[in-house]
Amino acid sequence: MQKPRTVLVVDDDSMMRNMPKMGGLQALEEIHKKTPTARVMMVSADATMDRVQEAILLGAAGFVVKPLNAASVLDRIDKCFKGRTSQ
């Protein structure tokens, strides 16, 4: 029996606003330290290529750009559950 995947969505913008000492990328690193098998999808309005690449290099399973499109978010979550990286 396959172990269920944990999929977390980290909103980088909200993290920086509500937790100024830890942004979304730092949270991503901490999540992977504590739960290495977690699949983390990043959400941010800051979608520069460097930011997306950094998130993927740090282990993000996907990256969704704001403003959010429901169909796009659901597609990315589906890919996270299936174990595929998406941007």
Protein backbone atom coordinates (compact mmCIF):
# COMPACT_ATOMS: atom_id res chain seq x y z
CA MET A 1 0.00 0.00 0.00
CA GLN A 2 1.40 3.37 -1.02
CA LYS A 3 1.92 5.92 1.74
CA PRO A 4 -0.28 9.02 1.27
CA ARG A 5 1.56 12.15 0.17
CA THR A 6 1.49 15.34 2.17
CA VAL A 7 0.93 18.32 -0.08
CA LEU A 8 1.36 21.76 1.44
CA VAL A 9 0.71 25.09 -0.21
CA VAL A 10 2.96 27.92 0.96
CA ASP A 11 1.81 31.44 0.12
CA ASP A 12 5.06 33.38 -0.04
CA ASP A 13 3.37 36.79 0.02
CA SER A 14 1.33 36.00 3.14
CA MET A 15 4.37 34.51 4.87
CA MET A 16 6.40 37.68 4.35
CA ARG A 17 3.51 39.87 5.49
CA ASN A 18 2.57 37.84 8.58
CA MET A 19 5.93 36.36 9.53
CA PRO A 20 8.54 38.96 8.53
CA LYS A 21 11.40 36.84 9.86
CA MET A 22 10.58 33.90 7.61
CA GLY A 23 9.53 34.11 3.98
CA GLY A 24 8.13 31.33 1.86
CA LEU A 25 11.50 30.03 0.67
CA GLN A 26 12.79 29.78 4.23
CA ALA A 27 9.55 28.01 5.22
CA LEU A 28 10.07 25.61 2.33
CA GLU A 29 13.53 24.72 3.65
CA GLU A 30 12.20 24.21 7.20
CA ILE A 31 9.31 22.06 6.01
CA HIS A 32 11.72 19.79 4.12
CA LYS A 33 14.00 19.51 7.17
CA LYS A 34 11.11 18.36 9.36
CA THR A 35 9.13 16.41 6.74
CA PRO A 36 11.41 15.42 3.86
CA THR A 37 8.65 13.54 2.02
CA ALA A 38 6.24 16.51 1.95
CA ARG A 39 5.38 17.91 -1.46
CA VAL A 40 5.29 21.72 -1.22
CA MET A 41 3.69 23.98 -3.77
CA MET A 42 4.67 27.64 -3.66
CA VAL A 43 2.23 30.46 -4.41
CA SER A 44 3.49 33.99 -5.04
CA ALA A 45 2.96 37.17 -7.02
CA ASP A 46 6.76 37.38 -7.34
CA ALA A 47 7.25 35.09 -10.29
CA THR A 48 10.65 36.05 -11.59
CA MET A 49 12.49 33.19 -13.24
CA ASP A 50 15.17 33.36 -10.51
CA ARG A 51 12.55 33.06 -7.75
CA VAL A 52 10.81 30.10 -9.39
CA GLN A 53 14.12 28.33 -10.05
CA GLU A 54 15.24 28.92 -6.46
CA ALA A 55 12.00 27.44 -5.13
CA ILE A 56 12.35 24.37 -7.37
CA LEU A 57 16.01 23.94 -6.35
CA LEU A 58 14.96 24.12 -2.70
CA GLY A 59 12.49 21.31 -3.31
CA ALA A 60 9.19 22.93 -4.27
CA ALA A 61 7.02 20.52 -6.21
CA GLY A 62 5.34 23.38 -8.04
CA PHE A 63 4.93 27.12 -8.27
CA VAL A 64 1.68 28.96 -8.93
CA VAL A 65 1.64 32.64 -9.84
CA LYS A 66 -0.93 35.07 -8.46
CA PRO A 67 -3.55 36.07 -9.32
CA LEU A 68 -4.74 32.51 -8.90
CA ASN A 69 -6.78 30.61 -11.45
CA ALA A 70 -8.77 27.82 -9.80
CA ALA A 71 -8.25 25.35 -12.65
CA SER A 72 -4.50 26.00 -12.67
CA VAL A 73 -4.21 25.54 -8.91
CA LEU A 74 -6.17 22.28 -9.00
CA ASP A 75 -4.00 21.02 -11.86
CA ARG A 76 -0.81 21.82 -9.90
CA ILE A 77 -2.14 20.13 -6.75
CA ASP A 78 -3.03 17.05 -8.83
CA LYS A 79 0.52 16.98 -10.23
CA CYS A 80 1.94 17.30 -6.71
CA PHE A 81 -0.06 14.26 -5.58
CA LYS A 82 1.16 12.32 -8.59
CA GLY A 83 4.76 13.29 -7.85
CA ARG A 84 5.47 15.47 -10.85
CA THR A 85 7.11 18.88 -10.58
CA SER A 86 5.25 21.75 -12.22
CA GLN A 87 5.62 25.48 -12.69
